[in-house]
Every structure is written in structure tokens, then in C-alpha cells.
Amino acid sequence: MRGLTYESLAQKLTKKYGKSVTPQSINNKLSRGSIKYIDVIRIAEVLDYKITWT
């Protein structure tokens, strides 16, 4: 939706959190449906989204 590639998202996550993230790892987690909530929070944060519960 933001026009980012997995590559650019991985770079943003690695830069912000100091932990190496690869485009393939993001793709694998999303494809398998095995992404952790903390990863979702971090992705939302680097994309300037806020997750709210209603």
C-alpha cells in the first residue's frame, strides 16, 4: 500500500531495530502466516501506522 518493497521494508526494520532483517524472512513469515505480533507492531511503526484495538 505504501509502495515499499520487501527489500526497503527490511532495510528500514534493520536500521531502526539494529537486528538484521531480510526481505526473504518477511516474505516467508507473511506467506506462512507465522508472523509474530511484535513483528507486526514493528512493521506498522516503520510504516507510520498505529494499531488500535476497538
Protein backbone atom coordinates (compact mmCIF):
# COMPACT_ATOMS: atom_id res chain seq x y z
CA MET A 1 0.00 0.00 0.00
CA ARG A 2 2.89 2.35 0.71
CA GLY A 3 4.74 1.30 -2.42
CA LEU A 4 7.56 -0.33 -0.47
CA THR A 5 9.33 -3.47 -1.49
CA TYR A 6 10.26 -6.19 0.96
CA GLU A 7 13.84 -5.02 0.44
CA SER A 8 13.16 -1.44 1.54
CA LEU A 9 10.99 -2.60 4.44
CA ALA A 10 13.76 -4.95 5.59
CA GLN A 11 16.28 -2.10 5.43
CA LYS A 12 14.02 0.18 7.49
CA LEU A 13 13.48 -2.52 10.13
CA THR A 14 17.19 -3.34 10.32
CA LYS A 15 18.12 0.33 10.67
CA LYS A 16 15.50 1.10 13.33
CA TYR A 17 15.89 -2.01 15.49
CA GLY A 18 19.53 -2.96 14.86
CA LYS A 19 18.59 -6.55 14.15
CA SER A 20 19.24 -7.95 10.70
CA VAL A 21 16.00 -8.49 8.78
CA THR A 22 15.96 -9.92 5.27
CA PRO A 23 13.33 -9.46 2.60
CA GLN A 24 13.03 -13.24 2.39
CA SER A 25 12.31 -13.58 6.11
CA ILE A 26 9.48 -11.05 5.86
CA ASN A 27 8.06 -12.80 2.81
CA ASN A 28 8.29 -16.22 4.46
CA LYS A 29 6.52 -15.09 7.64
CA LEU A 30 3.71 -13.45 5.68
CA SER A 31 3.34 -16.38 3.26
CA ARG A 32 3.18 -18.96 6.05
CA GLY A 33 1.01 -16.82 8.30
CA SER A 34 3.56 -17.25 11.06
CA ILE A 35 4.37 -13.61 11.72
CA LYS A 36 4.63 -12.66 15.38
CA TYR A 37 2.66 -9.80 16.86
CA ILE A 38 5.86 -7.93 17.76
CA ASP A 39 6.91 -8.09 14.10
CA VAL A 40 3.55 -6.66 13.05
CA ILE A 41 3.95 -3.83 15.58
CA ARG A 42 7.43 -3.05 14.29
CA ILE A 43 6.35 -3.10 10.65
CA ALA A 44 3.43 -0.81 11.45
CA GLU A 45 5.76 1.54 13.30
CA VAL A 46 8.25 1.93 10.45
CA LEU A 47 5.33 2.49 8.05
CA ASP A 48 3.85 5.17 10.34
CA TYR A 49 0.75 3.15 11.11
CA LYS A 50 -0.80 2.82 14.52
CA ILE A 51 -2.57 -0.37 15.56
CA THR A 52 -5.59 0.21 17.75
CA TRP A 53 -7.97 -2.24 19.34
CA THR A 54 -11.64 -1.36 19.45
